[in-house]
Amino acid sequence: LGLAIVESAMQQHRGWVKADDSPLGGLRLTLWLPLYKRT
């Protein structure tokens, strides 16, 4: 449930979540959010 909430929040902010195998073992999560300039 926690990861679903994170993914929903990221999508609302036009970002994304990526899950991969870690080269060290286990799970690696990459979170990306766009950078906005204030006007």
PDB file of N, CA and C in Angstrom:
ATOM      1  N   LEU A   1       0.826  -1.194   0.000  1.00  0.00           N
ATOM      2  CA  LEU A   1       0.000   0.000   0.000  1.00  0.00           C
ATOM      3  C   LEU A   1       0.869   1.256   0.000  1.00  0.00           C
ATOM      4  N   GLY A   2       1.980   1.249   0.724  1.00  0.00           N
ATOM      5  CA  GLY A   2       2.839   2.425   0.811  1.00  0.00           C
ATOM      6  C   GLY A   2       3.404   2.855  -0.527  1.00  0.00           C
ATOM      7  N   LEU A   3       3.866   1.888  -1.324  1.00  0.00           N
ATOM      8  CA  LEU A   3       4.435   2.221  -2.629  1.00  0.00           C
ATOM      9  C   LEU A   3       3.367   2.742  -3.582  1.00  0.00           C
ATOM     10  N   ALA A   4       2.142   2.253  -3.472  1.00  0.00           N
ATOM     11  CA  ALA A   4       1.039   2.751  -4.297  1.00  0.00           C
ATOM     12  C   ALA A   4       0.750   4.215  -3.979  1.00  0.00           C
ATOM     13  N   ILE A   5       0.844   4.585  -2.716  1.00  0.00           N
ATOM     14  CA  ILE A   5       0.634   5.978  -2.313  1.00  0.00           C
ATOM     15  C   ILE A   5       1.748   6.858  -2.863  1.00  0.00           C
ATOM     16  N   VAL A   6       2.992   6.382  -2.777  1.00  0.00           N
ATOM     17  CA  VAL A   6       4.133   7.127  -3.318  1.00  0.00           C
ATOM     18  C   VAL A   6       3.964   7.320  -4.819  1.00  0.00           C
ATOM     19  N   GLU A   7       3.597   6.263  -5.536  1.00  0.00           N
ATOM     20  CA  GLU A   7       3.434   6.362  -6.988  1.00  0.00           C
ATOM     21  C   GLU A   7       2.328   7.350  -7.350  1.00  0.00           C
ATOM     22  N   SER A   8       1.228   7.320  -6.631  1.00  0.00           N
ATOM     23  CA  SER A   8       0.131   8.251  -6.888  1.00  0.00           C
ATOM     24  C   SER A   8       0.573   9.701  -6.669  1.00  0.00           C
ATOM     25  N   ALA A   9       1.294   9.961  -5.583  1.00  0.00           N
ATOM     26  CA  ALA A   9       1.782  11.318  -5.303  1.00  0.00           C
ATOM     27  C   ALA A   9       2.756  11.773  -6.379  1.00  0.00           C
ATOM     28  N   MET A  10       3.638  10.880  -6.813  1.00  0.00           N
ATOM     29  CA  MET A  10       4.611  11.232  -7.850  1.00  0.00           C
ATOM     30  C   MET A  10       3.903  11.579  -9.158  1.00  0.00           C
ATOM     31  N   GLN A  11       2.892  10.811  -9.530  1.00  0.00           N
ATOM     32  CA  GLN A  11       2.156  11.079 -10.767  1.00  0.00           C
ATOM     33  C   GLN A  11       1.417  12.413 -10.696  1.00  0.00           C
ATOM     34  N   GLN A  12       0.888  12.747  -9.533  1.00  0.00           N
ATOM     35  CA  GLN A  12       0.186  14.022  -9.374  1.00  0.00           C
ATOM     36  C   GLN A  12       1.123  15.203  -9.578  1.00  0.00           C
ATOM     37  N   HIS A  13       2.403  15.003  -9.321  1.00  0.00           N
ATOM     38  CA  HIS A  13       3.402  16.058  -9.497  1.00  0.00           C
ATOM     39  C   HIS A  13       4.201  15.875 -10.783  1.00  0.00           C
ATOM     40  N   ARG A  14       3.674  15.059 -11.690  1.00  0.00           N
ATOM     41  CA  ARG A  14       4.278  14.774 -12.998  1.00  0.00           C
ATOM     42  C   ARG A  14       5.667  14.135 -12.882  1.00  0.00           C
ATOM     43  N   GLY A  15       5.826  13.310 -11.877  1.00  0.00           N
ATOM     44  CA  GLY A  15       7.067  12.566 -11.686  1.00  0.00           C
ATOM     45  C   GLY A  15       6.842  11.089 -11.934  1.00  0.00           C
ATOM     46  N   TRP A  16       7.847  10.285 -11.593  1.00  0.00           N
ATOM     47  CA  TRP A  16       7.706   8.842 -11.752  1.00  0.00           C
ATOM     48  C   TRP A  16       8.552   8.094 -10.731  1.00  0.00           C
ATOM     49  N   VAL A  17       8.197   6.821 -10.575  1.00  0.00           N
ATOM     50  CA  VAL A  17       8.905   5.912  -9.674  1.00  0.00           C
ATOM     51  C   VAL A  17       9.354   4.722 -10.502  1.00  0.00           C
ATOM     52  N   LYS A  18      10.598   4.293 -10.296  1.00  0.00           N
ATOM     53  CA  LYS A  18      11.127   3.132 -11.010  1.00  0.00           C
ATOM     54  C   LYS A  18      11.730   2.177  -9.986  1.00  0.00           C
ATOM     55  N   ALA A  19      11.391   0.890 -10.088  1.00  0.00           N
ATOM     56  CA  ALA A  19      11.943  -0.128  -9.190  1.00  0.00           C
ATOM     57  C   ALA A  19      12.819  -1.071 -10.002  1.00  0.00           C
ATOM     58  N   ASP A  20      14.037  -1.314  -9.525  1.00  0.00           N
ATOM     59  CA  ASP A  20      15.009  -2.192 -10.187  1.00  0.00           C
ATOM     60  C   ASP A  20      15.680  -3.077  -9.149  1.00  0.00           C
ATOM     61  N   ASP A  21      16.351  -4.113  -9.654  1.00  0.00           N
ATOM     62  CA  ASP A  21      17.246  -4.890  -8.801  1.00  0.00           C
ATOM     63  C   ASP A  21      18.481  -4.045  -8.520  1.00  0.00           C
ATOM     64  N   SER A  22      18.929  -4.060  -7.296  1.00  0.00           N
ATOM     65  CA  SER A  22      20.146  -3.347  -6.934  1.00  0.00           C
ATOM     66  C   SER A  22      21.356  -4.215  -7.240  1.00  0.00           C
ATOM     67  N   PRO A  23      22.434  -3.634  -7.756  1.00  0.00           N
ATOM     68  CA  PRO A  23      23.644  -4.421  -8.003  1.00  0.00           C
ATOM     69  C   PRO A  23      24.222  -5.011  -6.713  1.00  0.00           C
ATOM     70  N   LEU A  24      23.876  -4.436  -5.571  1.00  0.00           N
ATOM     71  CA  LEU A  24      24.352  -4.934  -4.279  1.00  0.00           C
ATOM     72  C   LEU A  24      23.392  -5.946  -3.664  1.00  0.00           C
ATOM     73  N   GLY A  25      22.281  -6.218  -4.355  1.00  0.00           N
ATOM     74  CA  GLY A  25      21.244  -7.101  -3.829  1.00  0.00           C
ATOM     75  C   GLY A  25      20.096  -6.275  -3.276  1.00  0.00           C
ATOM     76  N   GLY A  26      18.910  -6.805  -3.351  1.00  0.00           N
ATOM     77  CA  GLY A  26      17.740  -6.095  -2.844  1.00  0.00           C
ATOM     78  C   GLY A  26      17.085  -5.238  -3.911  1.00  0.00           C
ATOM     79  N   LEU A  27      16.398  -4.211  -3.479  1.00  0.00           N
ATOM     80  CA  LEU A  27      15.599  -3.359  -4.351  1.00  0.00           C
ATOM     81  C   LEU A  27      16.178  -1.952  -4.398  1.00  0.00           C
ATOM     82  N   ARG A  28      16.187  -1.360  -5.591  1.00  0.00           N
ATOM     83  CA  ARG A  28      16.597   0.041  -5.747  1.00  0.00           C
ATOM     84  C   ARG A  28      15.397   0.801  -6.292  1.00  0.00           C
ATOM     85  N   LEU A  29      14.989   1.856  -5.609  1.00  0.00           N
ATOM     86  CA  LEU A  29      13.905   2.720  -6.062  1.00  0.00           C
ATOM     87  C   LEU A  29      14.493   4.034  -6.544  1.00  0.00           C
ATOM     88  N   THR A  30      14.061   4.468  -7.720  1.00  0.00           N
ATOM     89  CA  THR A  30      14.455   5.759  -8.261  1.00  0.00           C
ATOM     90  C   THR A  30      13.204   6.624  -8.308  1.00  0.00           C
ATOM     91  N   LEU A  31      13.256   7.784  -7.667  1.00  0.00           N
ATOM     92  CA  LEU A  31      12.145   8.735  -7.666  1.00  0.00           C
ATOM     93  C   LEU A  31      12.578   9.962  -8.454  1.00  0.00           C
ATOM     94  N   TRP A  32      11.719  10.424  -9.362  1.00  0.00           N
ATOM     95  CA  TRP A  32      12.057  11.575 -10.193  1.00  0.00           C
ATOM     96  C   TRP A  32      10.913  12.577 -10.139  1.00  0.00           C
ATOM     97  N   LEU A  33      11.257  13.823  -9.850  1.00  0.00           N
ATOM     98  CA  LEU A  33      10.304  14.933  -9.880  1.00  0.00           C
ATOM     99  C   LEU A  33      10.877  16.035 -10.758  1.00  0.00           C
ATOM    100  N   PRO A  34      10.031  16.663 -11.588  1.00  0.00           N
ATOM    101  CA  PRO A  34      10.536  17.753 -12.420  1.00  0.00           C
ATOM    102  C   PRO A  34      10.849  18.989 -11.574  1.00  0.00           C
ATOM    103  N   LEU A  35      11.793  19.770 -12.036  1.00  0.00           N
ATOM    104  CA  LEU A  35      12.174  21.010 -11.372  1.00  0.00           C
ATOM    105  C   LEU A  35      11.445  22.159 -12.056  1.00  0.00           C
ATOM    106  N   TYR A  36      10.760  22.972 -11.281  1.00  0.00           N
ATOM    107  CA  TYR A  36      10.029  24.113 -11.825  1.00  0.00           C
ATOM    108  C   TYR A  36      10.692  25.400 -11.375  1.00  0.00           C
ATOM    109  N   LYS A  37      10.760  26.356 -12.279  1.00  0.00           N
ATOM    110  CA  LYS A  37      11.263  27.680 -11.928  1.00  0.00           C
ATOM    111  C   LYS A  37      10.097  28.545 -11.483  1.00  0.00           C
ATOM    112  N   ARG A  38      10.321  29.329 -10.445  1.00  0.00           N
ATOM    113  CA  ARG A  38       9.295  30.281 -10.017  1.00  0.00           C
ATOM    114  C   ARG A  38       9.285  31.460 -10.974  1.00  0.00           C
ATOM    115  N   THR A  39       8.108  31.958 -11.268  1.00  0.00           N
ATOM    116  CA  THR A  39       8.001  33.118 -12.156  1.00  0.00           C
ATOM    117  C   THR A  39       7.479  34.310 -11.405  1.00  0.00           C
TER     118      THR A  39
END
